Amino acid sequence: MARSNARERAGLDAEAERLVARFGLGECWGSWNETRWLARVAVGWFLLVLTALAGIGELEATHGQVHVMAGGTAILAFVAVLVLCVAIPPRTRRIRLFLFESGVVRASNVGRRVTVLPWDDLETVTLTTTAGYDDVYVSGCVLRGRSGARIELDGRDTLPGRRQVLAAAESQVAARRVGPLTAQLDAGLPITIGFLTVSTSGMSSRAALKAGGRWQVTWEQVRRVDVEADGQRVFVKCGRWGAKRALLDGVPNSFLARHVVTHAAGRAGVVVSAH
């Protein structure tokens, strides 16, 4: 196992060097590899096993006698298709994720082979959330560049790779956008992210009911604000019971709501809990 891991790491390092030479993205800060069986292979093996068990059962039921089943030709054709599903390459999906000083690269042996997104080109980060046992968490993201480049990170990618690439992408966008947004707030101008509007006087939402509904509060009415799932859930507590809410799933750069709400709330002396 250790030797296999060493070979995998050596292969990733060699590929990272080739990508640096080809795209000039600077130092490689991290690389990850995820290999899984393709769905057709897994399903093929599953059905082949079921077919074999059914055949064994049929032989036992006939006490080993030759038994010609109706539709035998169709069954043989079905088995042949299953064998092809299992045998035709590629049998696994291999995804390599590379985080560089100046961008990110996602390479796969299925579909589009190599996608390159330099940080200078990155325009939006759109987060995907999933409901867990106790809370909602960020499970993936879509990175889009002004040039049209698009990288989607989800359960097919390693969790450490997703987290580090997402953190780097958010840092890049925040470095460009947070300063101008907070300056706009300080100038008395409201900021709207999706359907959530934040200003020096309060907060409001114009969302559909399932995303939190329509509401408006002043900072004087707000007791505290809880920001969860990296800015995708904003809960505004105005009284002892209940809270206004805004669900920002699918809104590009909605993670910036965390920075905007924290800045505006700080000016108003309202506590913000972000987690």
C-alpha atoms as a PDB file:
ATOM      1  CA  MET A   1       0.000   0.000   0.000  1.00  0.00           C
ATOM      2  CA  ALA A   2       2.805   2.434   0.892  1.00  0.00           C
ATOM      3  CA  ARG A   3       4.562   1.659  -2.395  1.00  0.00           C
ATOM      4  CA  SER A   4       1.320   2.220  -4.312  1.00  0.00           C
ATOM      5  CA  ASN A   5       0.766   5.565  -2.560  1.00  0.00           C
ATOM      6  CA  ALA A   6       4.333   6.594  -3.340  1.00  0.00           C
ATOM      7  CA  ARG A   7       3.832   5.794  -7.032  1.00  0.00           C
ATOM      8  CA  GLU A   8       0.568   7.745  -7.064  1.00  0.00           C
ATOM      9  CA  ARG A   9       2.237  10.756  -5.430  1.00  0.00           C
ATOM     10  CA  ALA A  10       5.148  10.590  -7.871  1.00  0.00           C
ATOM     11  CA  GLY A  11       2.687  10.491 -10.773  1.00  0.00           C
ATOM     12  CA  LEU A  12       0.794  13.516  -9.440  1.00  0.00           C
ATOM     13  CA  ASP A  13       4.030  15.455  -8.933  1.00  0.00           C
ATOM     14  CA  ALA A  14       5.161  14.661 -12.471  1.00  0.00           C
ATOM     15  CA  GLU A  15       1.803  15.727 -13.904  1.00  0.00           C
ATOM     16  CA  ALA A  16       1.919  18.942 -11.878  1.00  0.00           C
ATOM     17  CA  GLU A  17       5.317  19.746 -13.384  1.00  0.00           C
ATOM     18  CA  ARG A  18       3.953  19.197 -16.900  1.00  0.00           C
ATOM     19  CA  LEU A  19       0.990  21.466 -16.171  1.00  0.00           C
ATOM     20  CA  VAL A  20       3.267  24.196 -14.811  1.00  0.00           C
ATOM     21  CA  ALA A  21       5.395  24.032 -17.946  1.00  0.00           C
ATOM     22  CA  ARG A  22       2.313  24.093 -20.170  1.00  0.00           C
ATOM     23  CA  PHE A  23       0.152  26.726 -18.479  1.00  0.00           C
ATOM     24  CA  GLY A  24       2.562  28.702 -16.295  1.00  0.00           C
ATOM     25  CA  LEU A  25       0.456  28.728 -13.131  1.00  0.00           C
ATOM     26  CA  GLY A  26       3.325  29.007 -10.692  1.00  0.00           C
ATOM     27  CA  GLU A  27       4.099  26.763  -7.736  1.00  0.00           C
ATOM     28  CA  CYS A  28       1.872  23.742  -7.067  1.00  0.00           C
ATOM     29  CA  TRP A  29       0.325  24.095  -3.609  1.00  0.00           C
ATOM     30  CA  GLY A  30      -1.569  20.816  -3.575  1.00  0.00           C
ATOM     31  CA  SER A  31      -2.662  17.870  -5.708  1.00  0.00           C
ATOM     32  CA  TRP A  32      -5.258  15.167  -5.151  1.00  0.00           C
ATOM     33  CA  ASN A  33      -6.371  12.043  -6.955  1.00  0.00           C
ATOM     34  CA  GLU A  34      -9.733  10.257  -6.748  1.00  0.00           C
ATOM     35  CA  THR A  35     -10.363   6.964  -8.544  1.00  0.00           C
ATOM     36  CA  ARG A  36     -13.742   5.232  -8.596  1.00  0.00           C
ATOM     37  CA  TRP A  37     -15.475   2.573 -10.623  1.00  0.00           C
ATOM     38  CA  LEU A  38     -17.691   3.953 -13.360  1.00  0.00           C
ATOM     39  CA  ALA A  39     -21.402   3.410 -12.749  1.00  0.00           C
ATOM     40  CA  ARG A  40     -21.774   1.086 -15.744  1.00  0.00           C
ATOM     41  CA  VAL A  41     -19.013  -1.168 -14.401  1.00  0.00           C
ATOM     42  CA  ALA A  42     -20.515  -1.364 -10.908  1.00  0.00           C
ATOM     43  CA  VAL A  43     -23.999  -2.036 -12.265  1.00  0.00           C
ATOM     44  CA  GLY A  44     -22.601  -4.577 -14.742  1.00  0.00           C
ATOM     45  CA  TRP A  45     -20.851  -6.555 -11.992  1.00  0.00           C
ATOM     46  CA  PHE A  46     -23.942  -6.407  -9.781  1.00  0.00           C
ATOM     47  CA  LEU A  47     -26.221  -7.758 -12.496  1.00  0.00           C
ATOM     48  CA  LEU A  48     -23.698 -10.400 -13.544  1.00  0.00           C
ATOM     49  CA  VAL A  49     -23.569 -11.717  -9.975  1.00  0.00           C
ATOM     50  CA  LEU A  50     -27.370 -11.761  -9.766  1.00  0.00           C
ATOM     51  CA  THR A  51     -27.561 -13.590 -13.096  1.00  0.00           C
ATOM     52  CA  ALA A  52     -24.986 -16.158 -11.944  1.00  0.00           C
ATOM     53  CA  LEU A  53     -26.869 -16.764  -8.686  1.00  0.00           C
ATOM     54  CA  ALA A  54     -30.114 -17.151 -10.598  1.00  0.00           C
ATOM     55  CA  GLY A  55     -28.431 -19.667 -12.910  1.00  0.00           C
ATOM     56  CA  ILE A  56     -27.111 -21.680  -9.960  1.00  0.00           C
ATOM     57  CA  GLY A  57     -30.556 -21.698  -8.421  1.00  0.00           C
ATOM     58  CA  GLU A  58     -32.054 -22.925 -11.675  1.00  0.00           C
ATOM     59  CA  LEU A  59     -29.533 -25.783 -11.891  1.00  0.00           C
ATOM     60  CA  GLU A  60     -30.277 -26.862  -8.320  1.00  0.00           C
ATOM     61  CA  ALA A  61     -34.015 -26.739  -8.999  1.00  0.00           C
ATOM     62  CA  THR A  62     -33.602 -29.064 -12.023  1.00  0.00           C
ATOM     63  CA  HIS A  63     -31.099 -31.304 -10.173  1.00  0.00           C
ATOM     64  CA  GLY A  64     -28.377 -30.598 -12.704  1.00  0.00           C
ATOM     65  CA  GLN A  65     -30.461 -31.730 -15.657  1.00  0.00           C
ATOM     66  CA  VAL A  66     -30.164 -29.922 -18.956  1.00  0.00           C
ATOM     67  CA  HIS A  67     -32.924 -27.354 -18.986  1.00  0.00           C
ATOM     68  CA  VAL A  68     -33.567 -25.136 -21.952  1.00  0.00           C
ATOM     69  CA  MET A  69     -35.182 -21.947 -20.802  1.00  0.00           C
ATOM     70  CA  ALA A  70     -37.556 -20.000 -22.959  1.00  0.00           C
ATOM     71  CA  GLY A  71     -35.921 -16.852 -24.117  1.00  0.00           C
ATOM     72  CA  GLY A  72     -32.434 -18.291 -23.608  1.00  0.00           C
ATOM     73  CA  THR A  73     -31.055 -16.328 -26.551  1.00  0.00           C
ATOM     74  CA  ALA A  74     -32.259 -13.061 -25.033  1.00  0.00           C
ATOM     75  CA  ILE A  75     -30.629 -13.959 -21.726  1.00  0.00           C
ATOM     76  CA  LEU A  76     -27.315 -14.735 -23.421  1.00  0.00           C
ATOM     77  CA  ALA A  77     -27.496 -11.404 -25.234  1.00  0.00           C
ATOM     78  CA  PHE A  78     -28.199  -9.688 -21.905  1.00  0.00           C
ATOM     79  CA  VAL A  79     -25.165 -11.382 -20.324  1.00  0.00           C
ATOM     80  CA  ALA A  80     -23.014 -10.352 -23.295  1.00  0.00           C
ATOM     81  CA  VAL A  81     -24.058  -6.716 -22.809  1.00  0.00           C
ATOM     82  CA  LEU A  82     -23.172  -6.926 -19.121  1.00  0.00           C
ATOM     83  CA  VAL A  83     -19.741  -8.339 -19.936  1.00  0.00           C
ATOM     84  CA  LEU A  84     -19.123  -5.454 -22.311  1.00  0.00           C
ATOM     85  CA  CYS A  85     -20.205  -2.954 -19.640  1.00  0.00           C
ATOM     86  CA  VAL A  86     -17.627  -4.427 -17.286  1.00  0.00           C
ATOM     87  CA  ALA A  87     -14.812  -4.987 -19.777  1.00  0.00           C
ATOM     88  CA  ILE A  88     -14.781  -1.938 -22.081  1.00  0.00           C
ATOM     89  CA  PRO A  89     -12.232   0.688 -20.959  1.00  0.00           C
ATOM     90  CA  PRO A  90     -12.095   2.986 -19.202  1.00  0.00           C
ATOM     91  CA  ARG A  91     -13.415   1.026 -16.239  1.00  0.00           C
ATOM     92  CA  THR A  92     -12.699   3.700 -13.642  1.00  0.00           C
ATOM     93  CA  ARG A  93     -13.096   7.462 -13.433  1.00  0.00           C
ATOM     94  CA  ARG A  94      -9.827   9.090 -12.408  1.00  0.00           C
ATOM     95  CA  ILE A  95      -9.973  12.747 -11.416  1.00  0.00           C
ATOM     96  CA  ARG A  96      -6.877  14.754 -10.525  1.00  0.00           C
ATOM     97  CA  LEU A  97      -7.183  18.140  -8.918  1.00  0.00           C
ATOM     98  CA  PHE A  98      -4.271  20.589  -8.818  1.00  0.00           C
ATOM     99  CA  LEU A  99      -4.120  23.810  -6.823  1.00  0.00           C
ATOM    100  CA  PHE A 100      -1.491  26.218  -8.119  1.00  0.00           C
ATOM    101  CA  GLU A 101      -0.308  29.603  -6.967  1.00  0.00           C
ATOM    102  CA  SER A 102      -2.081  31.238  -9.926  1.00  0.00           C
ATOM    103  CA  GLY A 103      -5.013  28.954 -10.595  1.00  0.00           C
ATOM    104  CA  VAL A 104      -6.602  25.519 -10.488  1.00  0.00           C
ATOM    105  CA  VAL A 105      -6.607  22.578 -12.906  1.00  0.00           C
ATOM    106  CA  ARG A 106      -9.007  19.628 -12.958  1.00  0.00           C
ATOM    107  CA  ALA A 107      -8.068  16.645 -15.122  1.00  0.00           C
ATOM    108  CA  SER A 108     -10.155  13.563 -15.855  1.00  0.00           C
ATOM    109  CA  ASN A 109      -9.919  10.465 -18.021  1.00  0.00           C
ATOM    110  CA  VAL A 110     -13.655  10.760 -18.828  1.00  0.00           C
ATOM    111  CA  GLY A 111     -15.359  13.596 -20.691  1.00  0.00           C
ATOM    112  CA  ARG A 112     -13.478  16.869 -20.893  1.00  0.00           C
ATOM    113  CA  ARG A 113      -9.905  15.871 -20.106  1.00  0.00           C
ATOM    114  CA  VAL A 114      -8.291  19.056 -18.741  1.00  0.00           C
ATOM    115  CA  THR A 115      -9.939  22.253 -17.489  1.00  0.00           C
ATOM    116  CA  VAL A 116      -7.730  25.197 -16.527  1.00  0.00           C
ATOM    117  CA  LEU A 117      -8.960  28.210 -14.579  1.00  0.00           C
ATOM    118  CA  PRO A 118      -6.378  30.901 -13.796  1.00  0.00           C
ATOM    119  CA  TRP A 119      -7.199  33.036 -10.764  1.00  0.00           C
ATOM    120  CA  ASP A 120      -6.992  36.172 -12.917  1.00  0.00           C
ATOM    121  CA  ASP A 121      -9.907  34.788 -14.937  1.00  0.00           C
ATOM    122  CA  LEU A 122     -12.044  33.647 -11.972  1.00  0.00           C
ATOM    123  CA  GLU A 123     -15.314  35.579 -11.778  1.00  0.00           C
ATOM    124  CA  THR A 124     -17.816  33.676  -9.616  1.00  0.00           C
ATOM    125  CA  VAL A 125     -17.937  30.958  -6.976  1.00  0.00           C
ATOM    126  CA  THR A 126     -21.323  29.254  -6.609  1.00  0.00           C
ATOM    127  CA  LEU A 127     -21.732  26.947  -3.628  1.00  0.00           C
ATOM    128  CA  THR A 128     -23.778  23.773  -3.302  1.00  0.00           C
ATOM    129  CA  THR A 129     -25.185  22.767   0.087  1.00  0.00           C
ATOM    130  CA  THR A 130     -26.371  19.437   1.459  1.00  0.00           C
ATOM    131  CA  ALA A 131     -28.507  18.763   4.514  1.00  0.00           C
ATOM    132  CA  GLY A 132     -26.668  16.603   7.054  1.00  0.00           C
ATOM    133  CA  TYR A 133     -27.897  14.993  10.252  1.00  0.00           C
ATOM    134  CA  ASP A 134     -27.518  18.125  12.352  1.00  0.00           C
ATOM    135  CA  ASP A 135     -26.996  20.994   9.928  1.00  0.00           C
ATOM    136  CA  VAL A 136     -26.467  22.117   6.346  1.00  0.00           C
ATOM    137  CA  TYR A 137     -22.931  22.039   4.970  1.00  0.00           C
ATOM    138  CA  VAL A 138     -21.160  23.062   1.772  1.00  0.00           C
ATOM    139  CA  SER A 139     -20.728  19.925  -0.346  1.00  0.00           C
ATOM    140  CA  GLY A 140     -19.410  21.390  -3.608  1.00  0.00           C
ATOM    141  CA  CYS A 141     -18.989  24.432  -5.771  1.00  0.00           C
ATOM    142  CA  VAL A 142     -18.871  25.686  -9.339  1.00  0.00           C
ATOM    143  CA  LEU A 143     -16.042  28.010 -10.340  1.00  0.00           C
ATOM    144  CA  ARG A 144     -16.614  30.123 -13.458  1.00  0.00           C
ATOM    145  CA  GLY A 145     -14.213  32.363 -15.327  1.00  0.00           C
ATOM    146  CA  ARG A 146     -14.894  35.382 -17.498  1.00  0.00           C
ATOM    147  CA  SER A 147     -13.517  33.453 -20.482  1.00  0.00           C
ATOM    148  CA  GLY A 148     -16.132  30.701 -20.036  1.00  0.00           C
ATOM    149  CA  ALA A 149     -13.961  28.211 -18.153  1.00  0.00           C
ATOM    150  CA  ARG A 150     -15.986  26.178 -15.669  1.00  0.00           C
ATOM    151  CA  ILE A 151     -14.853  23.772 -12.948  1.00  0.00           C
ATOM    152  CA  GLU A 152     -17.409  21.881 -10.871  1.00  0.00           C
ATOM    153  CA  LEU A 153     -16.240  20.252  -7.655  1.00  0.00           C
ATOM    154  CA  ASP A 154     -18.513  17.675  -6.040  1.00  0.00           C
ATOM    155  CA  GLY A 155     -18.504  14.223  -4.480  1.00  0.00           C
ATOM    156  CA  ARG A 156     -16.386  12.863  -7.317  1.00  0.00           C
ATOM    157  CA  ASP A 157     -13.457  14.936  -6.029  1.00  0.00           C
ATOM    158  CA  THR A 158     -11.581  14.318  -2.782  1.00  0.00           C
ATOM    159  CA  LEU A 159     -12.917  16.221   0.225  1.00  0.00           C
ATOM    160  CA  PRO A 160      -9.527  17.778   1.169  1.00  0.00           C
ATOM    161  CA  GLY A 161      -9.041  18.915  -2.425  1.00  0.00           C
ATOM    162  CA  ARG A 162     -12.508  20.457  -2.618  1.00  0.00           C
ATOM    163  CA  ARG A 163     -12.031  22.330   0.631  1.00  0.00           C
ATOM    164  CA  GLN A 164      -8.625  23.749  -0.220  1.00  0.00           C
ATOM    165  CA  VAL A 165      -9.539  24.771  -3.761  1.00  0.00           C
ATOM    166  CA  LEU A 166     -12.788  26.363  -2.549  1.00  0.00           C
ATOM    167  CA  ALA A 167     -10.951  28.287   0.169  1.00  0.00           C
ATOM    168  CA  ALA A 168      -8.401  29.546  -2.360  1.00  0.00           C
ATOM    169  CA  ALA A 169     -11.115  30.534  -4.869  1.00  0.00           C
ATOM    170  CA  GLU A 170     -13.117  32.402  -2.227  1.00  0.00           C
ATOM    171  CA  SER A 171      -9.969  34.171  -1.080  1.00  0.00           C
ATOM    172  CA  GLN A 172      -9.288  35.354  -4.626  1.00  0.00           C
ATOM    173  CA  VAL A 173     -12.796  36.718  -5.172  1.00  0.00           C
ATOM    174  CA  ALA A 174     -12.967  38.236  -1.686  1.00  0.00           C
ATOM    175  CA  ALA A 175      -9.652  40.058  -2.205  1.00  0.00           C
ATOM    176  CA  ARG A 176     -11.174  41.867  -5.190  1.00  0.00           C
ATOM    177  CA  ARG A 177     -14.742  42.346  -4.019  1.00  0.00           C
ATOM    178  CA  VAL A 178     -14.913  42.780  -0.236  1.00  0.00           C
ATOM    179  CA  GLY A 179     -13.069  46.116  -0.161  1.00  0.00           C
ATOM    180  CA  PRO A 180     -15.317  47.825  -2.755  1.00  0.00           C
ATOM    181  CA  LEU A 181     -18.447  46.324  -1.146  1.00  0.00           C
ATOM    182  CA  THR A 182     -17.634  47.556   2.348  1.00  0.00           C
ATOM    183  CA  ALA A 183     -16.654  50.956   0.922  1.00  0.00           C
ATOM    184  CA  GLN A 184     -20.064  51.093  -0.757  1.00  0.00           C
ATOM    185  CA  LEU A 185     -21.721  50.336   2.580  1.00  0.00           C
ATOM    186  CA  ASP A 186     -19.666  53.001   4.348  1.00  0.00           C
ATOM    187  CA  ALA A 187     -20.812  55.468   1.704  1.00  0.00           C
ATOM    188  CA  GLY A 188     -24.433  54.747   2.670  1.00  0.00           C
ATOM    189  CA  LEU A 189     -25.266  52.654  -0.396  1.00  0.00           C
ATOM    190  CA  PRO A 190     -27.044  49.287  -0.058  1.00  0.00           C
ATOM    191  CA  ILE A 191     -25.537  45.978  -1.193  1.00  0.00           C
ATOM    192  CA  THR A 192     -27.713  43.321  -2.825  1.00  0.00           C
ATOM    193  CA  ILE A 193     -26.537  39.722  -3.097  1.00  0.00           C
ATOM    194  CA  GLY A 194     -29.155  37.633  -4.835  1.00  0.00           C
ATOM    195  CA  PHE A 195     -32.390  38.697  -3.139  1.00  0.00           C
ATOM    196  CA  LEU A 196     -30.763  39.782   0.158  1.00  0.00           C
ATOM    197  CA  THR A 197     -30.140  43.505   0.620  1.00  0.00           C
ATOM    198  CA  VAL A 198     -27.886  44.847   3.376  1.00  0.00           C
ATOM    199  CA  SER A 199     -27.494  48.506   4.246  1.00  0.00           C
ATOM    200  CA  THR A 200     -26.437  50.718   7.137  1.00  0.00           C
ATOM    201  CA  SER A 201     -30.091  50.983   8.152  1.00  0.00           C
ATOM    202  CA  GLY A 202     -30.992  47.274   8.146  1.00  0.00           C
ATOM    203  CA  MET A 203     -31.596  44.167   6.049  1.00  0.00           C
ATOM    204  CA  SER A 204     -34.354  42.997   3.721  1.00  0.00           C
ATOM    205  CA  SER A 205     -35.219  40.009   1.568  1.00  0.00           C
ATOM    206  CA  ARG A 206     -37.390  39.686  -1.533  1.00  0.00           C
ATOM    207  CA  ALA A 207     -37.139  35.913  -1.846  1.00  0.00           C
ATOM    208  CA  ALA A 208     -39.798  33.302  -2.471  1.00  0.00           C
ATOM    209  CA  LEU A 209     -41.229  31.659   0.643  1.00  0.00           C
ATOM    210  CA  LYS A 210     -39.056  28.534   0.364  1.00  0.00           C
ATOM    211  CA  ALA A 211     -35.921  30.712   0.323  1.00  0.00           C
ATOM    212  CA  GLY A 212     -36.948  32.779   3.337  1.00  0.00           C
ATOM    213  CA  GLY A 213     -39.800  34.948   2.049  1.00  0.00           C
ATOM    214  CA  ARG A 214     -40.117  38.720   2.023  1.00  0.00           C
ATOM    215  CA  TRP A 215     -39.124  40.668   5.092  1.00  0.00           C
ATOM    216  CA  GLN A 216     -37.435  43.861   6.222  1.00  0.00           C
ATOM    217  CA  VAL A 217     -35.840  44.792   9.542  1.00  0.00           C
ATOM    218  CA  THR A 218     -33.842  47.713  10.907  1.00  0.00           C
ATOM    219  CA  TRP A 219     -30.637  47.170  12.824  1.00  0.00           C
ATOM    220  CA  GLU A 220     -32.395  48.506  15.930  1.00  0.00           C
ATOM    221  CA  GLN A 221     -34.759  45.518  15.722  1.00  0.00           C
ATOM    222  CA  VAL A 222     -32.012  42.939  15.284  1.00  0.00           C
ATOM    223  CA  ARG A 223     -30.639  41.128  18.341  1.00  0.00           C
ATOM    224  CA  ARG A 224     -28.097  38.960  16.510  1.00  0.00           C
ATOM    225  CA  VAL A 225     -27.324  37.425  13.114  1.00  0.00           C
ATOM    226  CA  ASP A 226     -26.227  33.845  12.510  1.00  0.00           C
ATOM    227  CA  VAL A 227     -24.465  33.097   9.220  1.00  0.00           C
ATOM    228  CA  GLU A 228     -24.098  29.409   8.407  1.00  0.00           C
ATOM    229  CA  ALA A 229     -22.829  27.152   5.612  1.00  0.00           C
ATOM    230  CA  ASP A 230     -20.265  29.682   4.404  1.00  0.00           C
ATOM    231  CA  GLY A 231     -22.828  32.449   3.927  1.00  0.00           C
ATOM    232  CA  GLN A 232     -25.574  30.303   2.368  1.00  0.00           C
ATOM    233  CA  ARG A 233     -27.836  30.596   5.421  1.00  0.00           C
ATOM    234  CA  VAL A 234     -28.498  33.966   7.090  1.00  0.00           C
ATOM    235  CA  PHE A 235     -30.709  33.966  10.191  1.00  0.00           C
ATOM    236  CA  VAL A 236     -31.739  37.335  11.630  1.00  0.00           C
ATOM    237  CA  LYS A 237     -33.032  37.118  15.202  1.00  0.00           C
ATOM    238  CA  CYS A 238     -35.269  40.005  16.162  1.00  0.00           C
ATOM    239  CA  GLY A 239     -37.074  38.639  19.201  1.00  0.00           C
ATOM    240  CA  ARG A 240     -37.096  35.853  21.710  1.00  0.00           C
ATOM    241  CA  TRP A 241     -38.659  33.340  19.307  1.00  0.00           C
ATOM    242  CA  GLY A 242     -38.127  32.667  15.645  1.00  0.00           C
ATOM    243  CA  ALA A 243     -35.922  34.414  13.119  1.00  0.00           C
ATOM    244  CA  LYS A 244     -36.028  35.885   9.665  1.00  0.00           C
ATOM    245  CA  ARG A 245     -34.028  33.824   7.216  1.00  0.00           C
ATOM    246  CA  ALA A 246     -32.438  34.067   3.804  1.00  0.00           C
ATOM    247  CA  LEU A 247     -31.296  30.955   1.916  1.00  0.00           C
ATOM    248  CA  LEU A 248     -28.782  31.895  -0.755  1.00  0.00           C
ATOM    249  CA  ASP A 249     -28.183  28.529  -2.415  1.00  0.00           C
ATOM    250  CA  GLY A 250     -27.232  28.824  -6.074  1.00  0.00           C
ATOM    251  CA  VAL A 251     -26.500  32.561  -5.947  1.00  0.00           C
ATOM    252  CA  PRO A 252     -23.085  33.339  -7.505  1.00  0.00           C
ATOM    253  CA  ASN A 253     -20.613  34.734  -4.964  1.00  0.00           C
ATOM    254  CA  SER A 254     -23.206  34.438  -2.195  1.00  0.00           C
ATOM    255  CA  PHE A 255     -20.391  33.676   0.263  1.00  0.00           C
ATOM    256  CA  LEU A 256     -19.700  37.425   0.170  1.00  0.00           C
ATOM    257  CA  ALA A 257     -22.901  37.892   2.223  1.00  0.00           C
ATOM    258  CA  ARG A 258     -20.903  36.772   5.249  1.00  0.00           C
ATOM    259  CA  HIS A 259     -18.449  39.659   4.810  1.00  0.00           C
ATOM    260  CA  VAL A 260     -21.102  42.237   3.991  1.00  0.00           C
ATOM    261  CA  VAL A 261     -23.411  41.294   6.873  1.00  0.00           C
ATOM    262  CA  THR A 262     -20.512  41.203   9.343  1.00  0.00           C
ATOM    263  CA  HIS A 263     -19.355  44.673   8.283  1.00  0.00           C
ATOM    264  CA  ALA A 264     -22.803  46.274   8.397  1.00  0.00           C
ATOM    265  CA  ALA A 265     -23.716  44.577  11.672  1.00  0.00           C
ATOM    266  CA  GLY A 266     -20.431  45.682  13.229  1.00  0.00           C
ATOM    267  CA  ARG A 267     -21.241  49.303  12.388  1.00  0.00           C
ATOM    268  CA  ALA A 268     -24.622  48.855  14.096  1.00  0.00           C
ATOM    269  CA  GLY A 269     -23.205  47.070  17.131  1.00  0.00           C
ATOM    270  CA  VAL A 270     -24.984  43.788  16.352  1.00  0.00           C
ATOM    271  CA  VAL A 271     -23.301  40.473  17.107  1.00  0.00           C
ATOM    272  CA  VAL A 272     -22.706  38.118  14.155  1.00  0.00           C
ATOM    273  CA  SER A 273     -21.986  34.437  14.579  1.00  0.00           C
ATOM    274  CA  ALA A 274     -20.432  32.844  11.461  1.00  0.00           C
ATOM    275  CA  HIS A 275     -19.875  29.111  11.214  1.00  0.00           C
END
